[in-house]
Amino acid sequence: MSYAPPGVCRYCGCSEENPCKLGDGDDCCWATQERNVCNAPGCMRAYLAAARAAKAARPRKKTTAEIHALICGKRRKKKAA
């Protein structure tokens, strides 16, 4: 994902002064509160794909059972030593 200042779409480069046209002939509008992604279909697809990729890259939280197994394993190692 590239950086874009507020008021410029990070994907297509449109701005408040020069909005892109949607399929129905209307001007685009901002899809994010930061005003850096417009609601054009291509921009929305790219934005959602980047959000999915960022979510997939985050580490998964351990379950209670996994934490318990780690603690028990550490205790066993201490006992054995």
Protein backbone atom coordinates (compact mmCIF):
# COMPACT_ATOMS: atom_id res chain seq x y z
CA MET A 1 0.00 0.00 0.00
CA SER A 2 1.40 3.38 -0.89
CA TYR A 3 1.11 6.55 1.14
CA ALA A 4 -1.15 9.34 -0.04
CA PRO A 5 -1.88 12.63 1.70
CA PRO A 6 -5.48 13.34 2.71
CA GLY A 7 -7.50 14.40 -0.31
CA VAL A 8 -5.64 12.16 -2.82
CA CYS A 9 -6.59 8.53 -3.54
CA ARG A 10 -3.64 6.22 -2.91
CA TYR A 11 -4.69 3.88 -5.74
CA CYS A 12 -5.92 5.97 -8.68
CA GLY A 13 -4.56 9.39 -7.67
CA CYS A 14 -7.83 11.27 -8.00
CA SER A 15 -8.38 14.25 -5.72
CA GLU A 16 -11.16 16.44 -4.44
CA GLU A 17 -10.50 18.91 -7.27
CA ASN A 18 -10.22 16.17 -9.93
CA PRO A 19 -12.49 13.23 -8.94
CA CYS A 20 -12.73 10.12 -11.09
CA LYS A 21 -16.02 9.19 -12.76
CA LEU A 22 -17.89 6.07 -11.71
CA GLY A 23 -19.77 3.79 -14.10
CA ASP A 24 -23.07 5.60 -13.51
CA GLY A 25 -21.52 8.98 -14.38
CA ASP A 26 -21.31 10.29 -10.79
CA ASP A 27 -18.10 11.55 -9.25
CA CYS A 28 -16.33 9.34 -6.74
CA CYS A 29 -16.34 10.11 -3.02
CA TRP A 30 -14.11 9.10 -0.12
CA ALA A 31 -14.46 5.59 1.25
CA THR A 32 -12.19 6.09 4.28
CA GLN A 33 -12.27 8.63 7.05
CA GLU A 34 -8.64 9.55 6.25
CA ARG A 35 -9.77 10.64 2.74
CA ASN A 36 -7.08 8.62 0.94
CA VAL A 37 -9.17 5.92 -0.79
CA CYS A 38 -12.03 6.73 -3.15
CA ASN A 39 -15.07 4.53 -3.75
CA ALA A 40 -14.19 3.59 -7.35
CA PRO A 41 -14.53 -0.20 -7.77
CA GLY A 42 -10.85 -0.78 -8.59
CA CYS A 43 -9.69 1.28 -5.64
CA MET A 44 -12.07 -0.50 -3.27
CA ARG A 45 -10.89 -3.93 -4.50
CA ALA A 46 -7.25 -2.94 -3.95
CA TYR A 47 -8.01 -1.47 -0.51
CA LEU A 48 -9.92 -4.57 0.65
CA ALA A 49 -7.24 -6.92 -0.72
CA ALA A 50 -4.57 -4.98 1.18
CA ALA A 51 -6.68 -5.12 4.37
CA ARG A 52 -7.11 -8.91 4.00
CA ALA A 53 -3.37 -9.35 3.44
CA ALA A 54 -2.56 -7.26 6.51
CA LYS A 55 -4.98 -9.30 8.62
CA ALA A 56 -3.48 -12.59 7.39
CA ALA A 57 0.03 -11.36 8.25
CA ARG A 58 -0.87 -10.71 11.90
CA PRO A 59 0.14 -13.47 14.31
CA ARG A 60 -2.70 -15.62 15.61
CA LYS A 61 -3.53 -15.39 19.32
CA LYS A 62 -2.81 -18.53 21.31
CA THR A 63 -5.74 -20.42 22.76
CA THR A 64 -6.06 -21.10 26.49
CA ALA A 65 -5.15 -24.75 25.88
CA GLU A 66 -1.97 -23.75 24.00
CA ILE A 67 -0.92 -21.39 26.80
CA HIS A 68 -1.57 -24.13 29.37
CA ALA A 69 0.54 -26.60 27.37
CA LEU A 70 3.41 -24.09 27.20
CA ILE A 71 3.31 -23.49 30.96
CA CYS A 72 3.19 -27.22 31.71
CA GLY A 73 6.09 -27.83 29.34
CA LYS A 74 8.20 -25.19 31.12
CA ARG A 75 7.38 -26.76 34.51
CA ARG A 76 8.40 -30.22 33.24
CA LYS A 77 11.70 -28.86 31.97
CA LYS A 78 12.39 -27.20 35.36
CA LYS A 79 11.61 -30.46 37.19
CA ALA A 80 13.87 -32.47 34.89
CA ALA A 81 16.78 -30.07 35.35
